[in-house]
């Protein structure tokens, strides 16, 4: 009796797991996950670009000060 209950529970669990996996493969779910990942990646690229441009501007200011080239507004 306990063995039957175990296999019945196992079968129910596996059926539920398979249904959820199949639902995750539906095109609207795949498209939503892809869009979310693309949005996250775009946000990371924007943050990286912002950091790099900030560091480059800071370094340019340091070099102009070191070599007495004046401020960057005169040379744009």
PDB file of N, CA and C in Angstrom:
ATOM      1  N   UNK A   1       0.821  -1.200   0.000  1.00  0.00           N
ATOM      2  CA  UNK A   1       0.000   0.000   0.000  1.00  0.00           C
ATOM      3  C   UNK A   1       0.864   1.264   0.000  1.00  0.00           C
ATOM      4  N   UNK A   2       1.907   1.257   0.829  1.00  0.00           N
ATOM      5  CA  UNK A   2       2.787   2.431   0.896  1.00  0.00           C
ATOM      6  C   UNK A   2       3.553   2.583  -0.408  1.00  0.00           C
ATOM      7  N   UNK A   3       3.923   1.458  -1.016  1.00  0.00           N
ATOM      8  CA  UNK A   3       4.632   1.506  -2.286  1.00  0.00           C
ATOM      9  C   UNK A   3       3.747   2.136  -3.359  1.00  0.00           C
ATOM     10  N   UNK A   4       2.491   1.793  -3.398  1.00  0.00           N
ATOM     11  CA  UNK A   4       1.563   2.365  -4.372  1.00  0.00           C
ATOM     12  C   UNK A   4       1.401   3.862  -4.151  1.00  0.00           C
ATOM     13  N   UNK A   5       1.302   4.271  -2.899  1.00  0.00           N
ATOM     14  CA  UNK A   5       1.174   5.687  -2.568  1.00  0.00           C
ATOM     15  C   UNK A   5       2.428   6.450  -3.002  1.00  0.00           C
ATOM     16  N   UNK A   6       3.592   5.818  -2.789  1.00  0.00           N
ATOM     17  CA  UNK A   6       4.851   6.450  -3.209  1.00  0.00           C
ATOM     18  C   UNK A   6       4.872   6.655  -4.723  1.00  0.00           C
ATOM     19  N   UNK A   7       4.541   5.609  -5.476  1.00  0.00           N
ATOM     20  CA  UNK A   7       4.574   5.726  -6.935  1.00  0.00           C
ATOM     21  C   UNK A   7       3.493   6.657  -7.463  1.00  0.00           C
ATOM     22  N   UNK A   8       2.369   6.687  -6.804  1.00  0.00           N
ATOM     23  CA  UNK A   8       1.318   7.625  -7.184  1.00  0.00           C
ATOM     24  C   UNK A   8       1.796   9.065  -6.973  1.00  0.00           C
ATOM     25  N   UNK A   9       2.430   9.314  -5.834  1.00  0.00           N
ATOM     26  CA  UNK A   9       2.964  10.657  -5.550  1.00  0.00           C
ATOM     27  C   UNK A   9       4.072  11.023  -6.534  1.00  0.00           C
ATOM     28  N   UNK A  10       4.943  10.061  -6.815  1.00  0.00           N
ATOM     29  CA  UNK A  10       6.029  10.299  -7.760  1.00  0.00           C
ATOM     30  C   UNK A  10       5.476  10.614  -9.148  1.00  0.00           C
ATOM     31  N   UNK A  11       4.472   9.871  -9.574  1.00  0.00           N
ATOM     32  CA  UNK A  11       3.853  10.117 -10.870  1.00  0.00           C
ATOM     33  C   UNK A  11       3.199  11.484 -10.941  1.00  0.00           C
ATOM     34  N   UNK A  12       2.524  11.886  -9.867  1.00  0.00           N
ATOM     35  CA  UNK A  12       1.886  13.202  -9.839  1.00  0.00           C
ATOM     36  C   UNK A  12       2.936  14.308  -9.897  1.00  0.00           C
ATOM     37  N   UNK A  13       4.016  14.119  -9.150  1.00  0.00           N
ATOM     38  CA  UNK A  13       5.086  15.112  -9.166  1.00  0.00           C
ATOM     39  C   UNK A  13       5.704  15.232 -10.560  1.00  0.00           C
ATOM     40  N   UNK A  14       6.005  14.095 -11.184  1.00  0.00           N
ATOM     41  CA  UNK A  14       6.602  14.126 -12.516  1.00  0.00           C
ATOM     42  C   UNK A  14       5.649  14.723 -13.549  1.00  0.00           C
ATOM     43  N   UNK A  15       4.376  14.423 -13.445  1.00  0.00           N
ATOM     44  CA  UNK A  15       3.402  14.995 -14.371  1.00  0.00           C
ATOM     45  C   UNK A  15       3.351  16.511 -14.224  1.00  0.00           C
ATOM     46  N   UNK A  16       3.328  16.985 -12.993  1.00  0.00           N
ATOM     47  CA  UNK A  16       3.317  18.427 -12.752  1.00  0.00           C
ATOM     48  C   UNK A  16       4.593  19.071 -13.278  1.00  0.00           C
ATOM     49  N   UNK A  17       5.731  18.424 -13.055  1.00  0.00           N
ATOM     50  CA  UNK A  17       7.012  18.952 -13.522  1.00  0.00           C
ATOM     51  C   UNK A  17       7.036  19.044 -15.050  1.00  0.00           C
ATOM     52  N   UNK A  18       6.554  18.002 -15.724  1.00  0.00           N
ATOM     53  CA  UNK A  18       6.536  17.992 -17.184  1.00  0.00           C
ATOM     54  C   UNK A  18       5.610  19.083 -17.715  1.00  0.00           C
ATOM     55  N   UNK A  19       4.457  19.251 -17.106  1.00  0.00           N
ATOM     56  CA  UNK A  19       3.517  20.290 -17.551  1.00  0.00           C
ATOM     57  C   UNK A  19       4.150  21.667 -17.410  1.00  0.00           C
ATOM     58  N   UNK A  20       4.810  21.913 -16.309  1.00  0.00           N
ATOM     59  CA  UNK A  20       5.463  23.220 -16.112  1.00  0.00           C
ATOM     60  C   UNK A  20       6.586  23.450 -17.109  1.00  0.00           C
ATOM     61  N   UNK A  21       7.356  22.400 -17.412  1.00  0.00           N
ATOM     62  CA  UNK A  21       8.433  22.536 -18.395  1.00  0.00           C
ATOM     63  C   UNK A  21       7.860  22.810 -19.782  1.00  0.00           C
ATOM     64  N   UNK A  22       6.767  22.154 -20.120  1.00  0.00           N
ATOM     65  CA  UNK A  22       6.147  22.393 -21.419  1.00  0.00           C
ATOM     66  C   UNK A  22       5.557  23.801 -21.507  1.00  0.00           C
ATOM     67  N   UNK A  23       5.008  24.291 -20.408  1.00  0.00           N
ATOM     68  CA  UNK A  23       4.479  25.659 -20.400  1.00  0.00           C
ATOM     69  C   UNK A  23       5.608  26.662 -20.576  1.00  0.00           C
ATOM     70  N   UNK A  24       6.767  26.350 -20.018  1.00  0.00           N
ATOM     71  CA  UNK A  24       7.911  27.263 -20.132  1.00  0.00           C
ATOM     72  C   UNK A  24       8.427  27.338 -21.563  1.00  0.00           C
ATOM     73  N   UNK A  25       8.103  26.341 -22.379  1.00  0.00           N
ATOM     74  CA  UNK A  25       8.566  26.334 -23.762  1.00  0.00           C
ATOM     75  C   UNK A  25       7.601  27.003 -24.716  1.00  0.00           C
ATOM     76  N   UNK A  26       6.484  27.477 -24.224  1.00  0.00           N
ATOM     77  CA  UNK A  26       5.532  28.160 -25.088  1.00  0.00           C
ATOM     78  C   UNK A  26       6.168  29.440 -25.625  1.00  0.00           C
ATOM     79  N   UNK A  27       5.842  29.804 -26.860  1.00  0.00           N
ATOM     80  CA  UNK A  27       6.501  30.956 -27.501  1.00  0.00           C
ATOM     81  C   UNK A  27       6.391  32.262 -26.713  1.00  0.00           C
ATOM     82  N   UNK A  28       5.255  32.528 -26.089  1.00  0.00           N
ATOM     83  CA  UNK A  28       5.142  33.794 -25.357  1.00  0.00           C
ATOM     84  C   UNK A  28       6.048  33.808 -24.130  1.00  0.00           C
ATOM     85  N   UNK A  29       6.243  32.659 -23.492  1.00  0.00           N
ATOM     86  CA  UNK A  29       7.149  32.595 -22.349  1.00  0.00           C
ATOM     87  C   UNK A  29       8.598  32.761 -22.798  1.00  0.00           C
ATOM     88  N   UNK A  30       8.938  32.101 -23.897  1.00  0.00           N
ATOM     89  CA  UNK A  30      10.298  32.203 -24.427  1.00  0.00           C
ATOM     90  C   UNK A  30      10.580  33.641 -24.857  1.00  0.00           C
ATOM     91  N   UNK A  31       9.621  34.264 -25.529  1.00  0.00           N
ATOM     92  CA  UNK A  31       9.800  35.646 -25.983  1.00  0.00           C
ATOM     93  C   UNK A  31       9.945  36.597 -24.795  1.00  0.00           C
ATOM     94  N   UNK A  32       9.152  36.383 -23.759  1.00  0.00           N
ATOM     95  CA  UNK A  32       9.230  37.254 -22.583  1.00  0.00           C
ATOM     96  C   UNK A  32      10.578  37.108 -21.891  1.00  0.00           C
ATOM     97  N   UNK A  33      11.053  35.867 -21.728  1.00  0.00           N
ATOM     98  CA  UNK A  33      12.357  35.660 -21.088  1.00  0.00           C
ATOM     99  C   UNK A  33      13.477  36.256 -21.929  1.00  0.00           C
ATOM    100  N   UNK A  34      13.384  36.096 -23.248  1.00  0.00           N
ATOM    101  CA  UNK A  34      14.402  36.650 -24.134  1.00  0.00           C
ATOM    102  C   UNK A  34      14.415  38.174 -24.054  1.00  0.00           C
ATOM    103  N   UNK A  35      13.246  38.782 -24.036  1.00  0.00           N
ATOM    104  CA  UNK A  35      13.161  40.239 -23.936  1.00  0.00           C
ATOM    105  C   UNK A  35      13.704  40.723 -22.595  1.00  0.00           C
ATOM    106  N   UNK A  36      13.394  40.011 -21.520  1.00  0.00           N
ATOM    107  CA  UNK A  36      13.909  40.397 -20.203  1.00  0.00           C
ATOM    108  C   UNK A  36      15.427  40.302 -20.158  1.00  0.00           C
ATOM    109  N   UNK A  37      15.962  39.238 -20.734  1.00  0.00           N
ATOM    110  CA  UNK A  37      17.419  39.084 -20.749  1.00  0.00           C
ATOM    111  C   UNK A  37      18.078  40.146 -21.615  1.00  0.00           C
ATOM    112  N   UNK A  38      17.466  40.462 -22.753  1.00  0.00           N
ATOM    113  CA  UNK A  38      18.023  41.494 -23.627  1.00  0.00           C
ATOM    114  C   UNK A  38      17.994  42.853 -22.942  1.00  0.00           C
ATOM    115  N   UNK A  39      16.915  43.130 -22.232  1.00  0.00           N
ATOM    116  CA  UNK A  39      16.815  44.391 -21.502  1.00  0.00           C
ATOM    117  C   UNK A  39      17.886  44.476 -20.423  1.00  0.00           C
ATOM    118  N   UNK A  40      18.088  43.384 -19.711  1.00  0.00           N
ATOM    119  CA  UNK A  40      19.126  43.358 -18.678  1.00  0.00           C
ATOM    120  C   UNK A  40      20.509  43.531 -19.267  1.00  0.00           C
ATOM    121  N   UNK A  41      20.759  42.895 -20.404  1.00  0.00           N
ATOM    122  CA  UNK A  41      22.060  43.011 -21.045  1.00  0.00           C
ATOM    123  C   UNK A  41      22.283  44.439 -21.544  1.00  0.00           C
ATOM    124  N   UNK A  42      21.242  45.040 -22.107  1.00  0.00           N
ATOM    125  CA  UNK A  42      21.345  46.423 -22.572  1.00  0.00           C
ATOM    126  C   UNK A  42      21.639  47.363 -21.402  1.00  0.00           C
ATOM    127  N   UNK A  43      21.010  47.127 -20.272  1.00  0.00           N
ATOM    128  CA  UNK A  43      21.262  47.943 -19.082  1.00  0.00           C
ATOM    129  C   UNK A  43      22.717  47.807 -18.642  1.00  0.00           C
ATOM    130  N   UNK A  44      23.256  46.586 -18.689  1.00  0.00           N
ATOM    131  CA  UNK A  44      24.652  46.378 -18.312  1.00  0.00           C
ATOM    132  C   UNK A  44      25.601  47.074 -19.272  1.00  0.00           C
ATOM    133  N   UNK A  45      25.286  47.030 -20.560  1.00  0.00           N
ATOM    134  CA  UNK A  45      26.134  47.704 -21.551  1.00  0.00           C
ATOM    135  C   UNK A  45      26.097  49.211 -21.341  1.00  0.00           C
ATOM    136  N   UNK A  46      24.913  49.752 -21.062  1.00  0.00           N
ATOM    137  CA  UNK A  46      24.812  51.199 -20.802  1.00  0.00           C
ATOM    138  C   UNK A  46      25.604  51.595 -19.564  1.00  0.00           C
ATOM    139  N   UNK A  47      25.512  50.807 -18.500  1.00  0.00           N
ATOM    140  CA  UNK A  47      26.272  51.096 -17.288  1.00  0.00           C
ATOM    141  C   UNK A  47      27.771  51.045 -17.563  1.00  0.00           C
ATOM    142  N   UNK A  48      28.204  50.029 -18.303  1.00  0.00           N
ATOM    143  CA  UNK A  48      29.615  49.895 -18.637  1.00  0.00           C
ATOM    144  C   UNK A  48      30.089  51.086 -19.458  1.00  0.00           C
ATOM    145  N   UNK A  49      29.303  51.461 -20.470  1.00  0.00           N
ATOM    146  CA  UNK A  49      29.666  52.587 -21.325  1.00  0.00           C
ATOM    147  C   UNK A  49      29.750  53.874 -20.515  1.00  0.00           C
ATOM    148  N   UNK A  50      28.784  54.067 -19.625  1.00  0.00           N
ATOM    149  CA  UNK A  50      28.790  55.252 -18.776  1.00  0.00           C
ATOM    150  C   UNK A  50      30.050  55.286 -17.917  1.00  0.00           C
ATOM    151  N   UNK A  51      30.421  54.148 -17.335  1.00  0.00           N
ATOM    152  CA  UNK A  51      31.623  54.083 -16.502  1.00  0.00           C
ATOM    153  C   UNK A  51      32.883  54.358 -17.323  1.00  0.00           C
ATOM    154  N   UNK A  52      32.965  53.768 -18.496  1.00  0.00           N
ATOM    155  CA  UNK A  52      34.157  53.939 -19.338  1.00  0.00           C
ATOM    156  C   UNK A  52      34.296  55.386 -19.788  1.00  0.00           C
ATOM    157  N   UNK A  53      33.200  55.985 -20.233  1.00  0.00           N
ATOM    158  CA  UNK A  53      33.278  57.382 -20.674  1.00  0.00           C
ATOM    159  C   UNK A  53      33.630  58.313 -19.517  1.00  0.00           C
ATOM    160  N   UNK A  54      33.115  58.026 -18.339  1.00  0.00           N
ATOM    161  CA  UNK A  54      33.459  58.833 -17.168  1.00  0.00           C
ATOM    162  C   UNK A  54      34.932  58.727 -16.819  1.00  0.00           C
ATOM    163  N   UNK A  55      35.454  57.493 -16.845  1.00  0.00           N
ATOM    164  CA  UNK A  55      36.875  57.289 -16.555  1.00  0.00           C
ATOM    165  C   UNK A  55      37.748  57.941 -17.626  1.00  0.00           C
ATOM    166  N   UNK A  56      37.336  57.862 -18.898  1.00  0.00           N
ATOM    167  CA  UNK A  56      38.119  58.467 -19.977  1.00  0.00           C
ATOM    168  C   UNK A  56      38.155  59.987 -19.825  1.00  0.00           C
ATOM    169  N   UNK A  57      37.033  60.587 -19.482  1.00  0.00           N
ATOM    170  CA  UNK A  57      36.998  62.037 -19.296  1.00  0.00           C
ATOM    171  C   UNK A  57      37.867  62.453 -18.107  1.00  0.00           C
ATOM    172  N   UNK A  58      37.827  61.644 -17.060  1.00  0.00           N
ATOM    173  CA  UNK A  58      38.646  61.934 -15.882  1.00  0.00           C
ATOM    174  C   UNK A  58      40.134  61.847 -16.227  1.00  0.00           C
ATOM    175  N   UNK A  59      40.495  60.814 -16.972  1.00  0.00           N
ATOM    176  CA  UNK A  59      41.900  60.645 -17.361  1.00  0.00           C
ATOM    177  C   UNK A  59      42.348  61.767 -18.306  1.00  0.00           C
ATOM    178  N   UNK A  60      41.474  62.182 -19.213  1.00  0.00           N
ATOM    179  CA  UNK A  60      41.806  63.278 -20.111  1.00  0.00           C
ATOM    180  C   UNK A  60      42.065  64.559 -19.323  1.00  0.00           C
ATOM    181  N   UNK A  61      41.243  64.819 -18.330  1.00  0.00           N
ATOM    182  CA  UNK A  61      41.431  66.004 -17.493  1.00  0.00           C
ATOM    183  C   UNK A  61      42.773  65.940 -16.769  1.00  0.00           C
ATOM    184  N   UNK A  62      43.119  64.747 -16.253  1.00  0.00           N
ATOM    185  CA  UNK A  62      44.405  64.585 -15.571  1.00  0.00           C
ATOM    186  C   UNK A  62      45.571  64.842 -16.532  1.00  0.00           C
ATOM    187  N   UNK A  63      45.483  64.288 -17.737  1.00  0.00           N
ATOM    188  CA  UNK A  63      46.575  64.474 -18.698  1.00  0.00           C
ATOM    189  C   UNK A  63      46.693  65.922 -19.150  1.00  0.00           C
ATOM    190  N   UNK A  64      45.571  66.577 -19.376  1.00  0.00           N
ATOM    191  CA  UNK A  64      45.619  67.989 -19.779  1.00  0.00           C
ATOM    192  C   UNK A  64      46.228  68.845 -18.669  1.00  0.00           C
ATOM    193  N   UNK A  65      45.888  68.531 -17.419  1.00  0.00           N
ATOM    194  CA  UNK A  65      46.470  69.280 -16.300  1.00  0.00           C
ATOM    195  C   UNK A  65      47.973  69.016 -16.190  1.00  0.00           C
ATOM    196  N   UNK A  66      48.369  67.752 -16.377  1.00  0.00           N
ATOM    197  CA  UNK A  66      49.781  67.392 -16.254  1.00  0.00           C
ATOM    198  C   UNK A  66      50.628  68.061 -17.332  1.00  0.00           C
ATOM    199  N   UNK A  67      50.125  68.127 -18.549  1.00  0.00           N
ATOM    200  CA  UNK A  67      50.905  68.689 -19.643  1.00  0.00           C
ATOM    201  C   UNK A  67      50.555  70.133 -19.964  1.00  0.00           C
ATOM    202  N   UNK A  68      49.709  70.768 -19.147  1.00  0.00           N
ATOM    203  CA  UNK A  68      49.392  72.175 -19.301  1.00  0.00           C
ATOM    204  C   UNK A  68      48.679  72.488 -20.593  1.00  0.00           C
ATOM    205  N   UNK A  69      47.768  71.647 -21.015  1.00  0.00           N
ATOM    206  CA  UNK A  69      47.066  71.869 -22.266  1.00  0.00           C
ATOM    207  C   UNK A  69      45.776  72.648 -22.096  1.00  0.00           C
ATOM    208  N   UNK A  70      45.477  73.098 -20.933  1.00  0.00           N
ATOM    209  CA  UNK A  70      44.231  73.833 -20.701  1.00  0.00           C
ATOM    210  C   UNK A  70      43.064  72.872 -20.534  1.00  0.00           C
ATOM    211  N   UNK A  71      41.873  73.430 -20.479  1.00  0.00           N
ATOM    212  CA  UNK A  71      40.715  72.563 -20.300  1.00  0.00           C
ATOM    213  C   UNK A  71      40.236  72.028 -21.654  1.00  0.00           C
ATOM    214  N   UNK A  72      39.494  70.950 -21.631  1.00  0.00           N
ATOM    215  CA  UNK A  72      39.076  70.236 -22.847  1.00  0.00           C
ATOM    216  C   UNK A  72      38.059  71.016 -23.661  1.00  0.00           C
ATOM    217  N   UNK A  73      37.435  72.023 -23.103  1.00  0.00           N
ATOM    218  CA  UNK A  73      36.416  72.788 -23.828  1.00  0.00           C
ATOM    219  C   UNK A  73      37.049  73.582 -24.975  1.00  0.00           C
ATOM    220  N   UNK A  74      38.289  73.956 -24.849  1.00  0.00           N
ATOM    221  CA  UNK A  74      38.966  74.732 -25.888  1.00  0.00           C
ATOM    222  C   UNK A  74      39.379  73.867 -27.076  1.00  0.00           C
ATOM    223  N   UNK A  75      39.481  72.550 -26.882  1.00  0.00           N
ATOM    224  CA  UNK A  75      40.017  71.660 -27.903  1.00  0.00           C
ATOM    225  C   UNK A  75      38.967  70.703 -28.444  1.00  0.00           C
ATOM    226  N   UNK A  76      37.711  70.959 -28.303  1.00  0.00           N
ATOM    227  CA  UNK A  76      36.677  70.021 -28.770  1.00  0.00           C
ATOM    228  C   UNK A  76      36.440  70.122 -30.241  1.00  0.00           C
TER     229      UNK A  76
END
